N, C-alpha and C. Protein backbone atom coordinates (compact mmCIF):
# COMPACT_ATOMS: atom_id res chain seq x y z
N MET A 1 115.44 95.11 111.95
CA MET A 1 116.15 95.98 112.83
C MET A 1 115.72 97.44 112.63
N PHE A 2 115.52 97.84 111.39
CA PHE A 2 115.14 99.22 111.12
C PHE A 2 113.67 99.36 110.73
N GLY A 3 112.87 98.30 110.84
CA GLY A 3 111.45 98.39 110.54
C GLY A 3 111.10 98.15 109.08
N PHE A 4 112.07 97.73 108.26
CA PHE A 4 111.76 97.52 106.85
C PHE A 4 110.79 96.35 106.65
N GLY A 5 110.88 95.36 107.48
CA GLY A 5 109.97 94.21 107.40
C GLY A 5 108.53 94.62 107.64
N LYS A 6 108.30 95.54 108.56
CA LYS A 6 106.95 96.02 108.84
C LYS A 6 106.37 96.72 107.63
N LYS A 7 107.16 97.53 106.95
CA LYS A 7 106.69 98.25 105.77
C LYS A 7 106.28 97.28 104.67
N ALA A 8 107.10 96.26 104.43
CA ALA A 8 106.79 95.29 103.39
C ALA A 8 105.53 94.52 103.74
N LYS A 9 105.37 94.13 104.99
CA LYS A 9 104.18 93.39 105.41
C LYS A 9 102.94 94.26 105.30
N LYS A 10 103.06 95.54 105.62
CA LYS A 10 101.92 96.45 105.54
C LYS A 10 101.40 96.53 104.11
N LEU A 11 102.28 96.55 103.13
CA LEU A 11 101.84 96.68 101.75
C LEU A 11 101.08 95.46 101.25
N GLU A 12 101.25 94.33 101.90
CA GLU A 12 100.56 93.11 101.48
C GLU A 12 99.20 92.93 102.13
N GLY A 13 98.87 93.73 103.13
CA GLY A 13 97.64 93.55 103.88
C GLY A 13 96.43 94.22 103.27
N THR A 14 95.36 94.20 104.04
CA THR A 14 94.10 94.85 103.66
C THR A 14 93.78 95.89 104.72
N ASP A 15 93.44 97.08 104.29
CA ASP A 15 93.01 98.13 105.20
C ASP A 15 91.48 98.18 105.18
N ILE A 16 90.92 98.57 106.30
CA ILE A 16 89.47 98.74 106.38
C ILE A 16 89.18 100.08 107.04
N LEU A 17 88.33 100.86 106.40
CA LEU A 17 87.83 102.10 106.99
C LEU A 17 86.43 101.84 107.53
N ILE A 18 86.17 102.29 108.72
CA ILE A 18 84.81 102.23 109.26
C ILE A 18 84.24 103.62 109.09
N ILE A 19 83.19 103.69 108.29
CA ILE A 19 82.57 104.96 107.93
C ILE A 19 81.16 104.98 108.50
N LYS A 20 80.89 105.95 109.34
CA LYS A 20 79.59 106.07 109.99
C LYS A 20 78.71 107.01 109.18
N THR A 21 77.47 106.60 109.00
CA THR A 21 76.51 107.44 108.28
C THR A 21 75.60 108.11 109.30
N SER A 22 75.17 109.31 108.99
CA SER A 22 74.43 110.08 109.98
C SER A 22 72.95 109.69 110.07
N GLU A 23 72.29 109.51 108.94
CA GLU A 23 70.85 109.28 108.99
C GLU A 23 70.41 108.11 108.13
N ALA A 24 71.26 107.12 107.92
CA ALA A 24 70.92 106.00 107.06
C ALA A 24 69.86 105.11 107.71
N LYS A 25 69.02 104.53 106.86
CA LYS A 25 67.98 103.63 107.35
C LYS A 25 68.48 102.19 107.36
N ASN A 26 69.19 101.79 106.32
CA ASN A 26 69.60 100.39 106.19
C ASN A 26 70.93 100.08 106.86
N ARG A 27 71.82 101.05 106.93
CA ARG A 27 73.14 100.85 107.51
C ARG A 27 73.49 102.03 108.40
N HIS A 28 74.11 101.73 109.52
CA HIS A 28 74.61 102.80 110.37
C HIS A 28 76.08 103.05 110.09
N PHE A 29 76.75 102.05 109.52
CA PHE A 29 78.15 102.22 109.15
C PHE A 29 78.50 101.29 108.01
N TYR A 30 79.55 101.64 107.30
CA TYR A 30 80.13 100.81 106.25
C TYR A 30 81.55 100.47 106.66
N MET A 31 81.95 99.25 106.41
CA MET A 31 83.36 98.86 106.52
C MET A 31 83.86 98.73 105.09
N VAL A 32 84.75 99.60 104.68
CA VAL A 32 85.23 99.63 103.31
C VAL A 32 86.64 99.04 103.28
N ALA A 33 86.81 97.98 102.48
CA ALA A 33 88.08 97.26 102.42
C ALA A 33 88.83 97.56 101.13
N PHE A 34 90.17 97.67 101.24
CA PHE A 34 91.01 97.93 100.08
C PHE A 34 92.44 97.50 100.40
N PRO A 35 93.25 97.24 99.36
CA PRO A 35 94.64 96.84 99.60
C PRO A 35 95.43 97.94 100.31
N SER A 36 96.24 97.54 101.26
CA SER A 36 97.01 98.49 102.06
C SER A 36 97.94 99.36 101.23
N MET A 37 98.44 98.84 100.12
CA MET A 37 99.39 99.62 99.32
C MET A 37 98.76 100.87 98.72
N PHE A 38 97.42 100.95 98.68
CA PHE A 38 96.74 102.12 98.13
C PHE A 38 96.09 102.96 99.22
N ALA A 39 96.37 102.64 100.48
CA ALA A 39 95.68 103.26 101.60
C ALA A 39 95.83 104.78 101.64
N ASN A 40 97.03 105.29 101.47
CA ASN A 40 97.23 106.74 101.59
C ASN A 40 96.37 107.51 100.61
N ASP A 41 96.35 107.07 99.35
CA ASP A 41 95.56 107.78 98.33
C ASP A 41 94.06 107.66 98.58
N ILE A 42 93.61 106.46 98.93
CA ILE A 42 92.17 106.24 99.14
C ILE A 42 91.68 107.00 100.36
N VAL A 43 92.42 106.92 101.46
CA VAL A 43 92.00 107.61 102.68
C VAL A 43 91.99 109.12 102.46
N SER A 44 93.01 109.66 101.81
CA SER A 44 93.04 111.11 101.61
C SER A 44 91.90 111.57 100.70
N MET A 45 91.56 110.78 99.67
CA MET A 45 90.45 111.14 98.79
C MET A 45 89.13 111.11 99.54
N LEU A 46 88.90 110.06 100.35
CA LEU A 46 87.65 109.97 101.11
C LEU A 46 87.57 111.03 102.19
N LYS A 47 88.70 111.41 102.78
CA LYS A 47 88.70 112.51 103.75
C LYS A 47 88.36 113.83 103.06
N LYS A 48 88.84 114.00 101.84
CA LYS A 48 88.52 115.21 101.08
C LYS A 48 87.01 115.26 100.79
N LEU A 49 86.43 114.12 100.42
CA LEU A 49 84.99 114.06 100.18
C LEU A 49 84.22 114.28 101.48
N GLU A 50 84.72 113.72 102.57
CA GLU A 50 84.08 113.89 103.88
C GLU A 50 83.98 115.36 104.26
N LYS A 51 85.02 116.14 103.99
CA LYS A 51 85.06 117.55 104.35
C LYS A 51 84.38 118.45 103.33
N SER A 52 84.08 117.92 102.17
CA SER A 52 83.53 118.71 101.07
C SER A 52 82.05 119.03 101.30
N LYS A 53 81.57 120.06 100.62
CA LYS A 53 80.15 120.40 100.71
C LYS A 53 79.28 119.41 99.94
N LEU A 54 79.91 118.45 99.26
CA LEU A 54 79.17 117.38 98.58
C LEU A 54 78.68 116.32 99.56
N ASN A 55 79.22 116.31 100.76
CA ASN A 55 78.89 115.30 101.76
C ASN A 55 77.59 115.65 102.47
N LYS A 56 76.50 115.59 101.71
CA LYS A 56 75.17 115.90 102.23
C LYS A 56 74.22 114.78 101.81
N LYS A 57 73.20 114.57 102.61
CA LYS A 57 72.21 113.54 102.30
C LYS A 57 71.51 113.84 100.97
N GLU A 58 71.31 115.12 100.66
CA GLU A 58 70.63 115.50 99.41
C GLU A 58 71.47 115.10 98.19
N ILE A 59 72.76 115.00 98.36
CA ILE A 59 73.65 114.67 97.24
C ILE A 59 74.04 113.20 97.25
N LEU A 60 74.48 112.68 98.38
CA LEU A 60 74.98 111.30 98.45
C LEU A 60 73.95 110.30 98.94
N GLY A 61 72.72 110.75 99.17
CA GLY A 61 71.70 109.83 99.65
C GLY A 61 72.00 109.40 101.07
N GLU A 62 71.76 108.12 101.37
CA GLU A 62 71.94 107.61 102.72
C GLU A 62 73.36 107.72 103.23
N ILE A 63 74.34 107.78 102.33
CA ILE A 63 75.73 107.89 102.75
C ILE A 63 76.07 109.33 103.12
N GLY A 64 75.28 110.26 102.67
CA GLY A 64 75.53 111.68 102.91
C GLY A 64 75.67 112.01 104.38
N GLY A 65 76.59 112.89 104.67
CA GLY A 65 76.88 113.26 106.05
C GLY A 65 77.77 112.24 106.75
N PHE A 66 78.44 111.40 105.97
CA PHE A 66 79.29 110.38 106.55
C PHE A 66 80.53 110.97 107.20
N HIS A 67 81.11 110.21 108.11
CA HIS A 67 82.41 110.56 108.64
C HIS A 67 83.18 109.26 108.93
N ILE A 68 84.48 109.36 108.73
CA ILE A 68 85.36 108.22 108.94
C ILE A 68 85.68 108.15 110.43
N VAL A 69 85.40 107.00 111.05
CA VAL A 69 85.62 106.89 112.49
C VAL A 69 86.84 106.04 112.86
N THR A 70 87.20 105.08 112.02
CA THR A 70 88.33 104.20 112.33
C THR A 70 89.01 103.75 111.05
N HIS A 71 90.33 103.66 111.11
CA HIS A 71 91.13 103.13 110.00
C HIS A 71 91.93 101.96 110.55
N LEU A 72 91.59 100.74 110.11
CA LEU A 72 92.32 99.54 110.50
C LEU A 72 93.34 99.26 109.42
N GLU A 73 94.60 99.16 109.80
CA GLU A 73 95.67 99.05 108.81
C GLU A 73 96.30 97.67 108.75
N ALA A 74 96.62 97.26 107.53
CA ALA A 74 97.44 96.08 107.24
C ALA A 74 96.94 94.80 107.89
N LEU A 75 95.65 94.55 107.77
CA LEU A 75 95.10 93.31 108.29
C LEU A 75 95.53 92.15 107.38
N THR A 76 95.84 91.04 107.98
CA THR A 76 96.17 89.86 107.18
C THR A 76 94.96 88.95 107.04
N SER A 77 93.97 89.12 107.92
CA SER A 77 92.73 88.34 107.79
C SER A 77 91.67 88.96 108.70
N TYR A 78 90.43 88.58 108.43
CA TYR A 78 89.33 88.93 109.31
C TYR A 78 88.28 87.84 109.16
N GLU A 79 87.43 87.70 110.15
CA GLU A 79 86.40 86.68 110.12
C GLU A 79 85.06 87.33 110.41
N VAL A 80 84.06 87.03 109.59
CA VAL A 80 82.71 87.55 109.76
C VAL A 80 81.90 86.46 110.46
N PHE A 81 81.38 86.78 111.64
CA PHE A 81 80.62 85.80 112.40
C PHE A 81 79.13 85.85 112.08
N GLU A 82 78.63 86.98 111.67
CA GLU A 82 77.21 87.14 111.39
C GLU A 82 77.03 87.34 109.89
N GLU A 83 76.96 86.24 109.16
CA GLU A 83 76.88 86.28 107.69
C GLU A 83 75.62 87.01 107.18
N ASN A 84 74.54 86.97 107.94
CA ASN A 84 73.28 87.55 107.49
C ASN A 84 73.16 89.04 107.76
N ASP A 85 74.07 89.59 108.53
CA ASP A 85 74.03 91.02 108.86
C ASP A 85 74.81 91.80 107.80
N MET A 86 74.10 92.63 107.07
CA MET A 86 74.71 93.40 105.99
C MET A 86 75.87 94.26 106.48
N GLU A 87 75.77 94.79 107.68
CA GLU A 87 76.83 95.65 108.21
C GLU A 87 78.08 94.88 108.62
N ALA A 88 77.96 93.58 108.79
CA ALA A 88 79.12 92.77 109.20
C ALA A 88 80.06 92.49 108.05
N GLN A 89 79.59 92.63 106.83
CA GLN A 89 80.39 92.34 105.65
C GLN A 89 81.13 93.58 105.17
N PRO A 90 82.44 93.53 105.06
CA PRO A 90 83.15 94.66 104.47
C PRO A 90 82.74 94.86 103.00
N VAL A 91 82.65 96.11 102.61
CA VAL A 91 82.33 96.47 101.22
C VAL A 91 83.65 96.75 100.52
N LEU A 92 83.84 96.14 99.36
CA LEU A 92 85.05 96.40 98.59
C LEU A 92 85.05 97.84 98.11
N ILE A 93 86.22 98.44 98.04
CA ILE A 93 86.34 99.84 97.64
C ILE A 93 85.71 100.09 96.27
N GLN A 94 85.79 99.11 95.37
CA GLN A 94 85.20 99.27 94.04
C GLN A 94 83.69 99.45 94.14
N ASP A 95 83.04 98.68 95.02
CA ASP A 95 81.59 98.77 95.19
C ASP A 95 81.20 100.07 95.89
N PHE A 96 81.98 100.47 96.90
CA PHE A 96 81.69 101.71 97.61
C PHE A 96 81.86 102.90 96.66
N ALA A 97 82.91 102.87 95.85
CA ALA A 97 83.14 103.94 94.88
C ALA A 97 81.99 104.01 93.88
N SER A 98 81.48 102.86 93.48
CA SER A 98 80.37 102.82 92.53
C SER A 98 79.11 103.47 93.12
N ILE A 99 78.84 103.20 94.39
CA ILE A 99 77.68 103.80 95.07
C ILE A 99 77.83 105.33 95.08
N LEU A 100 78.99 105.81 95.51
CA LEU A 100 79.22 107.25 95.58
C LEU A 100 79.18 107.88 94.19
N LEU A 101 79.77 107.21 93.23
CA LEU A 101 79.86 107.76 91.88
C LEU A 101 78.48 107.91 91.24
N ARG A 102 77.59 106.94 91.46
CA ARG A 102 76.23 107.05 90.91
C ARG A 102 75.54 108.30 91.42
N ARG A 103 75.73 108.60 92.69
CA ARG A 103 75.11 109.79 93.28
C ARG A 103 75.70 111.07 92.68
N LEU A 104 77.02 111.10 92.57
CA LEU A 104 77.68 112.31 92.07
C LEU A 104 77.43 112.52 90.58
N GLU A 105 77.31 111.44 89.82
CA GLU A 105 77.01 111.57 88.39
C GLU A 105 75.64 112.20 88.19
N ALA A 106 74.68 111.84 89.03
CA ALA A 106 73.34 112.43 88.93
C ALA A 106 73.40 113.93 89.19
N ILE A 107 74.19 114.36 90.15
CA ILE A 107 74.36 115.78 90.44
C ILE A 107 75.02 116.48 89.26
N ASP A 108 76.07 115.85 88.71
CA ASP A 108 76.80 116.43 87.59
C ASP A 108 75.91 116.57 86.36
N GLU A 109 75.07 115.57 86.08
CA GLU A 109 74.17 115.61 84.92
C GLU A 109 73.11 116.69 85.06
N ASN A 110 72.65 116.93 86.28
CA ASN A 110 71.64 117.97 86.52
C ASN A 110 72.22 119.37 86.49
N GLY A 111 73.55 119.46 86.45
CA GLY A 111 74.18 120.77 86.45
C GLY A 111 74.26 121.40 87.82
N ASP A 112 73.98 120.61 88.86
CA ASP A 112 74.01 121.14 90.23
C ASP A 112 75.40 121.05 90.85
N GLY A 113 76.33 120.43 90.15
CA GLY A 113 77.65 120.21 90.72
C GLY A 113 78.62 121.33 90.42
N ASP A 114 78.53 122.41 91.14
CA ASP A 114 79.43 123.53 90.93
C ASP A 114 80.64 123.48 91.87
N ASP A 115 80.74 122.42 92.66
CA ASP A 115 81.85 122.29 93.60
C ASP A 115 83.14 122.02 92.85
N SER A 116 84.20 122.70 93.24
CA SER A 116 85.49 122.54 92.55
C SER A 116 86.09 121.17 92.76
N ASP A 117 85.69 120.48 93.82
CA ASP A 117 86.23 119.15 94.09
C ASP A 117 85.48 118.05 93.32
N LEU A 118 84.35 118.37 92.73
CA LEU A 118 83.51 117.35 92.10
C LEU A 118 84.26 116.59 91.00
N ALA A 119 84.92 117.29 90.09
CA ALA A 119 85.63 116.61 88.99
C ALA A 119 86.75 115.73 89.52
N PHE A 120 87.51 116.22 90.49
CA PHE A 120 88.60 115.44 91.07
C PHE A 120 88.06 114.16 91.71
N ILE A 121 87.05 114.30 92.57
CA ILE A 121 86.50 113.16 93.29
C ILE A 121 85.86 112.17 92.33
N MET A 122 85.14 112.67 91.33
CA MET A 122 84.52 111.77 90.35
C MET A 122 85.59 111.00 89.56
N GLY A 123 86.69 111.66 89.24
CA GLY A 123 87.78 110.98 88.54
C GLY A 123 88.39 109.88 89.39
N GLU A 124 88.64 110.17 90.65
CA GLU A 124 89.20 109.18 91.57
C GLU A 124 88.25 108.00 91.75
N LEU A 125 86.96 108.30 91.95
CA LEU A 125 85.97 107.24 92.13
C LEU A 125 85.81 106.39 90.88
N THR A 126 85.89 107.02 89.70
CA THR A 126 85.80 106.26 88.45
C THR A 126 86.96 105.29 88.34
N MET A 127 88.15 105.74 88.67
CA MET A 127 89.31 104.84 88.62
C MET A 127 89.18 103.72 89.64
N LEU A 128 88.65 104.01 90.82
CA LEU A 128 88.44 102.97 91.83
C LEU A 128 87.40 101.96 91.36
N ARG A 129 86.31 102.45 90.81
CA ARG A 129 85.24 101.56 90.34
C ARG A 129 85.70 100.67 89.21
N ASP A 130 86.44 101.24 88.26
CA ASP A 130 86.83 100.50 87.07
C ASP A 130 88.07 99.62 87.27
N GLY A 131 88.73 99.75 88.39
CA GLY A 131 89.87 98.90 88.68
C GLY A 131 91.20 99.42 88.14
N SER A 132 91.22 100.62 87.59
CA SER A 132 92.49 101.15 87.09
C SER A 132 93.32 101.77 88.23
N TYR A 133 92.69 102.05 89.34
CA TYR A 133 93.36 102.62 90.51
C TYR A 133 93.85 101.49 91.41
N VAL A 134 92.94 100.60 91.75
CA VAL A 134 93.24 99.41 92.55
C VAL A 134 92.96 98.20 91.67
N PRO A 135 94.00 97.47 91.26
CA PRO A 135 93.78 96.30 90.40
C PRO A 135 92.84 95.29 91.06
N GLN A 136 91.88 94.80 90.28
CA GLN A 136 90.92 93.81 90.80
C GLN A 136 91.48 92.42 90.55
N ASN A 137 91.36 91.58 91.57
CA ASN A 137 91.88 90.21 91.44
C ASN A 137 90.87 89.31 90.83
């Protein structure tokens, strides 16, 4: 009656972000999947990275210059029809975080990371990669 059932169902689903890359050779977009209950934190962190000066091809490689184009919320299932197409498979948030983190760690080690958001984003990505942010099943 008051929408409480919708909220509970949303927390049990899977969210997917469709992230478009500007100049990638292997992928034109990534579908990043994560549990709905962590959606607000994950989306806000990725939006912060999207707007940051770290979002460049020179820093993030092929993912650099990305932008979030769609947020699909609280999915209960999805079906992949083209198993051989790399872009058809959603990437788990842990794997996507690992890709981003490898790039940012290289910048940090070279001393080129003077951006104030770098430490925050690297901390968030480390927790995502290691499963302390989103529990891995």
